[in-house]
Amino acid sequence: MWQYWLIAAGIFFIIEIITTGFLAFWLGIGAIIAMCVSFFIDNLIVQTVIFIISSVILILATKPLIKKFLKNNTSAETKTNAFSIIGKKAIVIKNIDKIDGSGQIKVDGEVWSAEGEDDTVIEKGTEVEILKIDGVRAIVTPIKK
């Protein structure tokens, strides 16, 4: 009977390689544990119960660890590209006029098309804060001094 548990473990490990859930791995370990038990106990029901119990214990014992590991990786998100400039300060290098559709800012050495939060004209040389990105334009508001 041990051969069947070994085949089952191999199938679970192959499934784990194909998927990313990290569940089939513990089922494979449970099958290996059941295989070891099969050397001493011939009863298939006992072996299956051992397989189920060991798999469930392994899954439940490692679930908090896996969640913690995944949580740490996703919480360390780094803002990239356009969204990295949101909240930064910039200098207006070309008057921002929403009605005219013109305006540019310079932030982190890059020139961006910009428009004001409202319809007021923002003069060249004014320091602004970037509120959000709308398409290819930065939406800005003047910094009050």
N, C-alpha and C. Protein backbone atom coordinates (compact mmCIF):
# COMPACT_ATOMS: atom_id res chain seq x y z
N MET A 1 0.82 -1.20 0.00
CA MET A 1 0.00 0.00 0.00
C MET A 1 0.86 1.26 0.00
N TRP A 2 2.10 1.14 0.47
CA TRP A 2 2.96 2.30 0.55
C TRP A 2 3.21 2.93 -0.82
N GLN A 3 3.17 2.10 -1.89
CA GLN A 3 3.41 2.61 -3.23
C GLN A 3 2.34 3.62 -3.64
N TYR A 4 1.10 3.38 -3.23
CA TYR A 4 0.01 4.30 -3.58
C TYR A 4 0.18 5.65 -2.88
N TRP A 5 0.64 5.58 -1.63
CA TRP A 5 0.86 6.84 -0.91
C TRP A 5 2.03 7.61 -1.53
N LEU A 6 3.04 6.90 -1.99
CA LEU A 6 4.17 7.55 -2.65
C LEU A 6 3.73 8.19 -3.96
N ILE A 7 2.91 7.50 -4.72
CA ILE A 7 2.38 8.06 -5.97
C ILE A 7 1.51 9.28 -5.67
N ALA A 8 0.66 9.18 -4.64
CA ALA A 8 -0.19 10.31 -4.26
C ALA A 8 0.66 11.50 -3.86
N ALA A 9 1.72 11.28 -3.10
CA ALA A 9 2.62 12.37 -2.69
C ALA A 9 3.24 13.01 -3.92
N GLY A 10 3.69 12.18 -4.87
CA GLY A 10 4.27 12.71 -6.11
C GLY A 10 3.28 13.55 -6.88
N ILE A 11 2.04 13.10 -6.96
CA ILE A 11 0.99 13.87 -7.66
C ILE A 11 0.76 15.20 -6.94
N PHE A 12 0.68 15.17 -5.61
CA PHE A 12 0.48 16.42 -4.87
C PHE A 12 1.64 17.39 -5.08
N PHE A 13 2.86 16.88 -5.13
CA PHE A 13 4.01 17.76 -5.33
C PHE A 13 4.01 18.34 -6.75
N ILE A 14 3.60 17.55 -7.73
CA ILE A 14 3.48 18.07 -9.10
C ILE A 14 2.41 19.15 -9.17
N ILE A 15 1.28 18.92 -8.51
CA ILE A 15 0.22 19.92 -8.46
C ILE A 15 0.74 21.19 -7.81
N GLU A 16 1.54 21.05 -6.75
CA GLU A 16 2.10 22.23 -6.07
C GLU A 16 3.02 23.01 -6.99
N ILE A 17 3.78 22.32 -7.81
CA ILE A 17 4.67 22.99 -8.76
C ILE A 17 3.85 23.78 -9.78
N ILE A 18 2.73 23.24 -10.19
CA ILE A 18 1.89 23.88 -11.20
C ILE A 18 1.12 25.06 -10.61
N THR A 19 0.65 24.92 -9.38
CA THR A 19 -0.16 25.98 -8.76
C THR A 19 0.69 26.81 -7.80
N THR A 20 0.09 27.87 -7.26
CA THR A 20 0.82 28.73 -6.32
C THR A 20 0.15 28.82 -4.96
N GLY A 21 -0.74 27.92 -4.67
CA GLY A 21 -1.52 28.02 -3.44
C GLY A 21 -0.83 27.55 -2.18
N PHE A 22 0.24 26.79 -2.29
CA PHE A 22 0.98 26.22 -1.16
C PHE A 22 0.06 25.36 -0.28
N LEU A 23 -0.86 24.66 -0.91
CA LEU A 23 -1.75 23.75 -0.20
C LEU A 23 -1.39 22.31 -0.53
N ALA A 24 -1.17 22.03 -1.80
CA ALA A 24 -0.89 20.66 -2.23
C ALA A 24 0.41 20.14 -1.62
N PHE A 25 1.34 21.03 -1.29
CA PHE A 25 2.59 20.62 -0.65
C PHE A 25 2.32 19.88 0.65
N TRP A 26 1.44 20.44 1.47
CA TRP A 26 1.15 19.82 2.76
C TRP A 26 0.36 18.53 2.58
N LEU A 27 -0.44 18.43 1.54
CA LEU A 27 -1.12 17.17 1.25
C LEU A 27 -0.08 16.11 0.85
N GLY A 28 0.94 16.53 0.12
CA GLY A 28 2.03 15.60 -0.24
C GLY A 28 2.78 15.12 0.98
N ILE A 29 3.06 16.04 1.91
CA ILE A 29 3.72 15.65 3.16
C ILE A 29 2.82 14.70 3.95
N GLY A 30 1.51 14.99 3.97
CA GLY A 30 0.56 14.09 4.65
C GLY A 30 0.56 12.71 4.02
N ALA A 31 0.68 12.65 2.69
CA ALA A 31 0.75 11.34 2.00
C ALA A 31 2.03 10.60 2.36
N ILE A 32 3.13 11.32 2.52
CA ILE A 32 4.39 10.68 2.93
C ILE A 32 4.27 10.14 4.36
N ILE A 33 3.62 10.92 5.23
CA ILE A 33 3.41 10.44 6.61
C ILE A 33 2.54 9.18 6.59
N ALA A 34 1.47 9.19 5.76
CA ALA A 34 0.61 8.01 5.65
C ALA A 34 1.38 6.82 5.07
N MET A 35 2.31 7.12 4.16
CA MET A 35 3.14 6.05 3.60
C MET A 35 3.99 5.41 4.71
N CYS A 36 4.58 6.23 5.57
CA CYS A 36 5.39 5.70 6.67
C CYS A 36 4.53 4.86 7.62
N VAL A 37 3.31 5.31 7.88
CA VAL A 37 2.40 4.56 8.75
C VAL A 37 2.04 3.22 8.10
N SER A 38 1.94 3.22 6.76
CA SER A 38 1.55 1.97 6.07
C SER A 38 2.57 0.86 6.24
N PHE A 39 3.81 1.18 6.60
CA PHE A 39 4.80 0.14 6.86
C PHE A 39 4.49 -0.64 8.14
N PHE A 40 3.75 0.02 9.06
CA PHE A 40 3.46 -0.61 10.35
C PHE A 40 2.01 -1.04 10.50
N ILE A 41 1.09 -0.35 9.79
CA ILE A 41 -0.34 -0.65 9.92
C ILE A 41 -0.91 -0.90 8.53
N ASP A 42 -1.57 -2.03 8.36
CA ASP A 42 -2.12 -2.39 7.05
C ASP A 42 -3.51 -1.83 6.80
N ASN A 43 -4.17 -1.34 7.80
CA ASN A 43 -5.54 -0.87 7.68
C ASN A 43 -5.59 0.44 6.87
N LEU A 44 -6.28 0.42 5.73
CA LEU A 44 -6.37 1.59 4.84
C LEU A 44 -7.14 2.74 5.50
N ILE A 45 -8.12 2.44 6.31
CA ILE A 45 -8.90 3.49 6.97
C ILE A 45 -8.01 4.26 7.94
N VAL A 46 -7.20 3.55 8.72
CA VAL A 46 -6.28 4.20 9.66
C VAL A 46 -5.28 5.06 8.89
N GLN A 47 -4.75 4.55 7.80
CA GLN A 47 -3.80 5.31 7.00
C GLN A 47 -4.44 6.60 6.44
N THR A 48 -5.67 6.47 5.97
CA THR A 48 -6.38 7.63 5.42
C THR A 48 -6.66 8.66 6.51
N VAL A 49 -7.05 8.19 7.68
CA VAL A 49 -7.29 9.11 8.80
C VAL A 49 -6.00 9.83 9.17
N ILE A 50 -4.89 9.11 9.22
CA ILE A 50 -3.58 9.72 9.52
C ILE A 50 -3.24 10.76 8.45
N PHE A 51 -3.49 10.41 7.19
CA PHE A 51 -3.24 11.34 6.09
C PHE A 51 -4.05 12.63 6.27
N ILE A 52 -5.33 12.49 6.54
CA ILE A 52 -6.21 13.66 6.68
C ILE A 52 -5.81 14.50 7.89
N ILE A 53 -5.61 13.84 9.02
CA ILE A 53 -5.26 14.58 10.25
C ILE A 53 -3.92 15.29 10.10
N SER A 54 -2.91 14.59 9.59
CA SER A 54 -1.60 15.23 9.45
C SER A 54 -1.65 16.37 8.45
N SER A 55 -2.37 16.22 7.35
CA SER A 55 -2.48 17.29 6.36
C SER A 55 -3.18 18.51 6.94
N VAL A 56 -4.28 18.29 7.65
CA VAL A 56 -5.01 19.40 8.26
C VAL A 56 -4.16 20.12 9.29
N ILE A 57 -3.46 19.36 10.13
CA ILE A 57 -2.60 19.98 11.15
C ILE A 57 -1.50 20.81 10.48
N LEU A 58 -0.88 20.26 9.46
CA LEU A 58 0.19 21.00 8.76
C LEU A 58 -0.35 22.27 8.11
N ILE A 59 -1.51 22.18 7.48
CA ILE A 59 -2.10 23.36 6.83
C ILE A 59 -2.45 24.41 7.86
N LEU A 60 -3.12 24.02 8.93
CA LEU A 60 -3.53 24.98 9.96
C LEU A 60 -2.34 25.57 10.71
N ALA A 61 -1.29 24.77 10.91
CA ALA A 61 -0.13 25.25 11.64
C ALA A 61 0.68 26.25 10.83
N THR A 62 0.69 26.09 9.53
CA THR A 62 1.51 26.99 8.70
C THR A 62 0.71 28.13 8.08
N LYS A 63 -0.59 28.10 8.15
CA LYS A 63 -1.41 29.16 7.54
C LYS A 63 -1.09 30.54 8.12
N PRO A 64 -1.00 30.71 9.44
CA PRO A 64 -0.65 32.04 9.97
C PRO A 64 0.73 32.50 9.51
N LEU A 65 1.67 31.57 9.43
CA LEU A 65 3.02 31.91 9.00
C LEU A 65 3.02 32.38 7.55
N ILE A 66 2.30 31.66 6.70
CA ILE A 66 2.22 32.02 5.29
C ILE A 66 1.51 33.37 5.12
N LYS A 67 0.41 33.59 5.86
CA LYS A 67 -0.28 34.87 5.78
C LYS A 67 0.63 36.01 6.22
N LYS A 68 1.40 35.80 7.27
CA LYS A 68 2.31 36.83 7.75
C LYS A 68 3.37 37.12 6.71
N PHE A 69 3.90 36.08 6.08
CA PHE A 69 4.93 36.25 5.06
C PHE A 69 4.36 37.00 3.86
N LEU A 70 3.17 36.62 3.40
CA LEU A 70 2.56 37.29 2.25
C LEU A 70 2.16 38.71 2.59
N LYS A 71 1.70 38.93 3.81
CA LYS A 71 1.30 40.27 4.24
C LYS A 71 2.50 41.21 4.26
N ASN A 72 3.64 40.74 4.74
CA ASN A 72 4.85 41.55 4.77
C ASN A 72 5.30 41.91 3.36
N ASN A 73 5.16 41.01 2.42
CA ASN A 73 5.59 41.30 1.06
C ASN A 73 4.67 42.30 0.38
N THR A 74 3.36 42.20 0.61
CA THR A 74 2.45 43.11 -0.07
C THR A 74 2.40 44.47 0.60
N SER A 75 2.69 44.55 1.90
CA SER A 75 2.66 45.85 2.57
C SER A 75 3.88 46.68 2.23
N ALA A 76 4.87 46.07 1.65
CA ALA A 76 6.09 46.80 1.29
C ALA A 76 6.01 47.30 -0.15
N GLU A 77 4.79 47.59 -0.60
CA GLU A 77 4.62 48.08 -1.95
C GLU A 77 5.34 49.40 -2.12
N THR A 78 6.00 49.54 -3.24
CA THR A 78 6.68 50.77 -3.57
C THR A 78 5.91 51.42 -4.70
N LYS A 79 5.56 52.66 -4.51
CA LYS A 79 4.87 53.37 -5.58
C LYS A 79 5.85 53.59 -6.71
N THR A 80 5.39 53.31 -7.92
CA THR A 80 6.26 53.46 -9.07
C THR A 80 5.58 54.29 -10.14
N ASN A 81 6.38 54.68 -11.09
CA ASN A 81 5.92 55.41 -12.26
C ASN A 81 5.15 56.67 -11.86
N ALA A 82 4.02 56.91 -12.47
CA ALA A 82 3.28 58.14 -12.27
C ALA A 82 2.81 58.31 -10.83
N PHE A 83 2.42 57.25 -10.19
CA PHE A 83 1.84 57.36 -8.86
C PHE A 83 2.87 57.71 -7.79
N SER A 84 4.14 57.59 -8.13
CA SER A 84 5.18 57.92 -7.16
C SER A 84 5.28 59.42 -6.90
N ILE A 85 4.71 60.25 -7.76
CA ILE A 85 4.83 61.71 -7.56
C ILE A 85 3.65 62.30 -6.80
N ILE A 86 2.62 61.53 -6.57
CA ILE A 86 1.45 62.03 -5.84
C ILE A 86 1.88 62.45 -4.44
N GLY A 87 1.51 63.67 -4.05
CA GLY A 87 1.84 64.20 -2.74
C GLY A 87 3.14 64.99 -2.72
N LYS A 88 3.88 64.94 -3.81
CA LYS A 88 5.15 65.67 -3.86
C LYS A 88 4.92 67.13 -4.25
N LYS A 89 5.93 67.93 -3.98
CA LYS A 89 5.90 69.34 -4.34
C LYS A 89 6.61 69.51 -5.68
N ALA A 90 6.12 70.46 -6.48
CA ALA A 90 6.68 70.72 -7.80
C ALA A 90 6.69 72.22 -8.05
N ILE A 91 7.40 72.63 -9.08
CA ILE A 91 7.46 74.03 -9.49
C ILE A 91 6.79 74.16 -10.85
N VAL A 92 5.95 75.18 -10.99
CA VAL A 92 5.30 75.44 -12.27
C VAL A 92 6.33 76.07 -13.20
N ILE A 93 6.52 75.46 -14.37
CA ILE A 93 7.48 76.01 -15.34
C ILE A 93 6.78 76.63 -16.54
N LYS A 94 5.48 76.39 -16.67
CA LYS A 94 4.65 77.03 -17.70
C LYS A 94 3.29 77.27 -17.07
N ASN A 95 2.80 78.49 -17.17
CA ASN A 95 1.52 78.85 -16.54
C ASN A 95 0.48 77.75 -16.73
N ILE A 96 -0.21 77.45 -15.63
CA ILE A 96 -1.26 76.43 -15.68
C ILE A 96 -2.60 77.14 -15.82
N ASP A 97 -3.24 76.89 -16.95
CA ASP A 97 -4.53 77.50 -17.24
C ASP A 97 -5.46 76.39 -17.71
N LYS A 98 -6.41 76.01 -16.88
CA LYS A 98 -7.30 74.89 -17.19
C LYS A 98 -8.16 75.18 -18.42
N ILE A 99 -8.57 76.42 -18.57
CA ILE A 99 -9.42 76.79 -19.70
C ILE A 99 -8.63 76.68 -21.01
N ASP A 100 -7.38 77.14 -20.97
CA ASP A 100 -6.52 77.11 -22.15
C ASP A 100 -5.95 75.71 -22.39
N GLY A 101 -5.96 74.88 -21.36
CA GLY A 101 -5.43 73.53 -21.47
C GLY A 101 -3.92 73.47 -21.47
N SER A 102 -3.28 74.49 -20.92
CA SER A 102 -1.82 74.52 -20.90
C SER A 102 -1.31 74.46 -19.47
N GLY A 103 -0.07 74.09 -19.34
CA GLY A 103 0.57 74.09 -18.04
C GLY A 103 1.54 72.94 -17.89
N GLN A 104 2.68 73.25 -17.28
CA GLN A 104 3.67 72.22 -17.02
C GLN A 104 4.30 72.45 -15.66
N ILE A 105 4.71 71.35 -15.06
CA ILE A 105 5.41 71.41 -13.78
C ILE A 105 6.69 70.61 -13.90
N LYS A 106 7.59 70.84 -12.96
CA LYS A 106 8.82 70.05 -12.89
C LYS A 106 8.89 69.45 -11.49
N VAL A 107 9.01 68.13 -11.46
CA VAL A 107 9.09 67.40 -10.20
C VAL A 107 10.13 66.30 -10.37
N ASP A 108 11.05 66.23 -9.42
CA ASP A 108 12.12 65.23 -9.46
C ASP A 108 12.88 65.24 -10.79
N GLY A 109 13.05 66.42 -11.35
CA GLY A 109 13.80 66.55 -12.60
C GLY A 109 13.01 66.19 -13.84
N GLU A 110 11.75 65.83 -13.69
CA GLU A 110 10.91 65.46 -14.83
C GLU A 110 9.88 66.55 -15.08
N VAL A 111 9.55 66.75 -16.34
CA VAL A 111 8.53 67.73 -16.72
C VAL A 111 7.23 66.98 -16.97
N TRP A 112 6.17 67.48 -16.35
CA TRP A 112 4.85 66.88 -16.47
C TRP A 112 3.86 67.92 -16.96
N SER A 113 2.90 67.48 -17.79
CA SER A 113 1.76 68.33 -18.10
C SER A 113 0.92 68.41 -16.84
N ALA A 114 0.35 69.57 -16.60
CA ALA A 114 -0.40 69.74 -15.35
C ALA A 114 -1.64 70.59 -15.58
N GLU A 115 -2.58 70.42 -14.69
CA GLU A 115 -3.74 71.30 -14.65
C GLU A 115 -4.11 71.53 -13.20
N GLY A 116 -4.73 72.66 -12.98
CA GLY A 116 -5.10 73.03 -11.62
C GLY A 116 -6.32 72.26 -11.15
N GLU A 117 -6.46 72.27 -9.85
CA GLU A 117 -7.61 71.60 -9.23
C GLU A 117 -8.91 72.32 -9.58
N ASP A 118 -8.80 73.63 -9.70
CA ASP A 118 -9.97 74.44 -10.08
C ASP A 118 -9.62 75.27 -11.31
N ASP A 119 -10.43 76.26 -11.63
CA ASP A 119 -10.24 77.04 -12.85
C ASP A 119 -9.27 78.22 -12.72
N THR A 120 -8.65 78.38 -11.58
CA THR A 120 -7.73 79.51 -11.41
C THR A 120 -6.42 79.26 -12.16
N VAL A 121 -5.83 80.35 -12.61
CA VAL A 121 -4.55 80.27 -13.30
C VAL A 121 -3.44 80.24 -12.25
N ILE A 122 -2.49 79.33 -12.45
CA ILE A 122 -1.35 79.22 -11.54
C ILE A 122 -0.13 79.71 -12.30
N GLU A 123 0.50 80.72 -11.78
CA GLU A 123 1.60 81.39 -12.47
C GLU A 123 2.88 80.56 -12.43
N LYS A 124 3.74 80.81 -13.44
CA LYS A 124 5.05 80.19 -13.52
C LYS A 124 5.86 80.55 -12.27
N GLY A 125 6.58 79.58 -11.72
CA GLY A 125 7.39 79.79 -10.53
C GLY A 125 6.68 79.47 -9.23
N THR A 126 5.38 79.20 -9.28
CA THR A 126 4.61 78.88 -8.08
C THR A 126 4.91 77.44 -7.65
N GLU A 127 5.03 77.26 -6.34
CA GLU A 127 5.21 75.91 -5.81
C GLU A 127 3.83 75.28 -5.64
N VAL A 128 3.70 74.05 -6.15
CA VAL A 128 2.41 73.35 -6.10
C VAL A 128 2.59 71.96 -5.49
N GLU A 129 1.48 71.40 -5.05
CA GLU A 129 1.46 70.03 -4.55
C GLU A 129 0.66 69.18 -5.53
N ILE A 130 1.17 68.00 -5.83
CA ILE A 130 0.50 67.10 -6.77
C ILE A 130 -0.54 66.29 -6.02
N LEU A 131 -1.80 66.44 -6.42
CA LEU A 131 -2.91 65.78 -5.73
C LEU A 131 -3.21 64.40 -6.30
N LYS A 132 -3.19 64.29 -7.61
CA LYS A 132 -3.48 63.00 -8.26
C LYS A 132 -3.02 63.04 -9.70
N ILE A 133 -3.12 61.91 -10.36
CA ILE A 133 -2.79 61.79 -11.77
C ILE A 133 -4.08 61.49 -12.51
N ASP A 134 -4.34 62.27 -13.56
CA ASP A 134 -5.53 62.07 -14.39
C ASP A 134 -5.04 61.86 -15.82
N GLY A 135 -4.99 60.62 -16.25
CA GLY A 135 -4.44 60.32 -17.57
C GLY A 135 -2.94 60.59 -17.57
N VAL A 136 -2.52 61.59 -18.40
CA VAL A 136 -1.11 61.94 -18.46
C VAL A 136 -0.83 63.28 -17.79
N ARG A 137 -1.83 63.81 -17.11
CA ARG A 137 -1.67 65.12 -16.46
C ARG A 137 -1.68 64.98 -14.95
N ALA A 138 -0.86 65.80 -14.34
CA ALA A 138 -0.84 65.88 -12.87
C ALA A 138 -1.83 66.96 -12.45
N ILE A 139 -2.68 66.63 -11.52
CA ILE A 139 -3.62 67.61 -10.97
C ILE A 139 -2.95 68.21 -9.73
N VAL A 140 -2.83 69.56 -9.74
CA VAL A 140 -2.06 70.23 -8.70
C VAL A 140 -2.88 71.32 -8.03
N THR A 141 -2.38 71.74 -6.88
CA THR A 141 -2.96 72.87 -6.16
C THR A 141 -1.79 73.70 -5.62
N PRO A 142 -1.93 75.01 -5.64
CA PRO A 142 -0.84 75.85 -5.12
C PRO A 142 -0.65 75.62 -3.62
N ILE A 143 0.60 75.72 -3.19
CA ILE A 143 0.91 75.59 -1.77
C ILE A 143 0.80 76.98 -1.16
N LYS A 144 -0.05 77.08 -0.17
CA LYS A 144 -0.25 78.38 0.49
C LYS A 144 0.87 78.59 1.49
N LYS A 145 1.48 79.77 1.42
CA LYS A 145 2.60 80.08 2.33
C LYS A 145 2.17 81.00 3.42
